[in-house]
């Protein structure tokens, strides 16, 4: 089984390649052509479905919905011009800090 990061890299490359594709022939191209707002809404819908699957205790459905969430997150990132390296840099900056400390450093909303 391939490493998760390799799978993410391949999926991100496929999504990037579909940016200019015909929306009539590619779901990814269709989402991207509809703009970041549509991509964000679709990501949110998939996240809710993943939550429902997790709460139900269905491991297979949780894995499946999680795959949908990850795909739609990558589409959203492509739509907004954010790369996986940009996300990795944010994660790396947080390494070694507690989640509570990191949240506090962002200030009150």
Protein backbone atom coordinates (compact mmCIF):
# COMPACT_ATOMS: atom_id res chain seq x y z
CA UNK A 1 0.00 0.00 0.00
CA UNK A 2 1.44 3.39 -0.95
CA UNK A 3 2.36 5.90 1.69
CA UNK A 4 -0.33 8.46 2.52
CA UNK A 5 1.90 11.36 1.46
CA UNK A 6 2.55 9.75 -1.94
CA UNK A 7 -1.18 9.32 -2.46
CA UNK A 8 -1.81 12.95 -1.48
CA UNK A 9 0.91 14.16 -3.84
CA UNK A 10 -0.54 12.16 -6.75
CA UNK A 11 -4.05 13.36 -6.01
CA UNK A 12 -2.91 16.99 -5.75
CA UNK A 13 -1.10 16.64 -9.09
CA UNK A 14 -4.22 15.16 -10.72
CA UNK A 15 -6.34 18.01 -9.37
CA UNK A 16 -3.81 20.58 -10.66
CA UNK A 17 -3.86 18.91 -14.08
CA UNK A 18 -7.66 19.12 -14.21
CA UNK A 19 -7.71 22.87 -13.56
CA UNK A 20 -7.97 23.62 -17.26
CA UNK A 21 -10.00 20.57 -18.24
CA UNK A 22 -13.51 20.63 -19.68
CA UNK A 23 -16.02 20.89 -16.80
CA UNK A 24 -18.36 18.67 -18.80
CA UNK A 25 -15.91 15.77 -18.59
CA UNK A 26 -14.34 16.18 -15.13
CA UNK A 27 -15.94 16.61 -11.71
CA UNK A 28 -12.75 18.28 -10.48
CA UNK A 29 -12.74 20.72 -13.40
CA UNK A 30 -16.44 21.43 -12.79
CA UNK A 31 -15.84 22.25 -9.11
CA UNK A 32 -12.83 24.41 -9.89
CA UNK A 33 -14.71 26.28 -12.62
CA UNK A 34 -17.44 27.15 -10.10
CA UNK A 35 -14.93 28.95 -7.87
CA UNK A 36 -13.64 28.77 -4.30
CA UNK A 37 -17.08 29.38 -2.74
CA UNK A 38 -18.55 26.26 -4.36
CA UNK A 39 -15.45 24.25 -3.48
CA UNK A 40 -15.72 25.41 0.14
CA UNK A 41 -19.40 24.49 0.35
CA UNK A 42 -18.72 21.04 -1.06
CA UNK A 43 -15.85 20.53 1.39
CA UNK A 44 -18.18 21.49 4.24
CA UNK A 45 -20.86 19.07 3.07
CA UNK A 46 -18.34 16.24 2.95
CA UNK A 47 -16.99 17.14 6.39
CA UNK A 48 -20.49 16.88 7.85
CA UNK A 49 -20.94 13.47 6.20
CA UNK A 50 -17.65 12.32 7.75
CA UNK A 51 -18.81 13.49 11.18
CA UNK A 52 -22.08 11.58 10.80
CA UNK A 53 -20.24 8.43 9.75
CA UNK A 54 -17.82 8.73 12.68
CA UNK A 55 -20.60 9.28 15.21
CA UNK A 56 -22.45 6.26 13.84
CA UNK A 57 -19.40 4.09 14.54
CA UNK A 58 -19.21 2.82 10.95
CA UNK A 59 -15.47 2.51 10.28
CA UNK A 60 -15.84 1.78 6.56
CA UNK A 61 -18.15 4.76 6.03
CA UNK A 62 -15.83 6.93 8.10
CA UNK A 63 -12.87 5.94 5.92
CA UNK A 64 -14.88 6.54 2.75
CA UNK A 65 -16.21 9.91 3.87
CA UNK A 66 -12.75 10.89 5.09
CA UNK A 67 -11.40 10.16 1.60
CA UNK A 68 -14.10 12.48 0.22
CA UNK A 69 -13.12 15.17 2.74
CA UNK A 70 -9.46 14.95 1.78
CA UNK A 71 -10.22 15.07 -1.95
CA UNK A 72 -12.51 18.08 -1.52
CA UNK A 73 -9.96 19.80 0.74
CA UNK A 74 -7.34 19.41 -1.99
CA UNK A 75 -9.79 20.84 -4.54
CA UNK A 76 -10.45 23.77 -2.20
CA UNK A 77 -6.72 24.35 -1.76
CA UNK A 78 -6.25 24.31 -5.55
CA UNK A 79 -9.15 26.74 -5.99
CA UNK A 80 -7.58 29.17 -3.53
CA UNK A 81 -3.96 28.78 -4.67
CA UNK A 82 -2.77 27.13 -1.46
CA UNK A 83 -0.31 24.27 -1.92
CA UNK A 84 0.29 21.21 0.23
CA UNK A 85 3.71 22.72 0.97
CA UNK A 86 1.95 25.84 2.33
CA UNK A 87 -0.11 23.63 4.64
CA UNK A 88 2.94 21.59 5.62
CA UNK A 89 4.79 24.78 6.58
CA UNK A 90 1.94 25.74 8.92
CA UNK A 91 1.94 22.28 10.48
CA UNK A 92 5.72 22.28 10.88
CA UNK A 93 5.58 25.67 12.60
CA UNK A 94 3.23 24.15 15.16
CA UNK A 95 5.34 21.08 15.89
CA UNK A 96 6.51 20.79 19.47
CA UNK A 97 3.84 23.14 20.81
CA UNK A 98 0.79 22.02 22.67
CA UNK A 99 -2.49 22.59 20.90
CA UNK A 100 -3.66 24.80 23.76
CA UNK A 101 -0.52 26.94 23.52
CA UNK A 102 -0.83 27.21 19.74
CA UNK A 103 -4.49 28.26 19.92
CA UNK A 104 -3.71 30.86 22.59
CA UNK A 105 -0.99 32.36 20.39
CA UNK A 106 -3.61 33.13 17.71
CA UNK A 107 -5.52 35.41 20.10
CA UNK A 108 -9.22 35.55 20.80
CA UNK A 109 -11.56 35.41 17.80
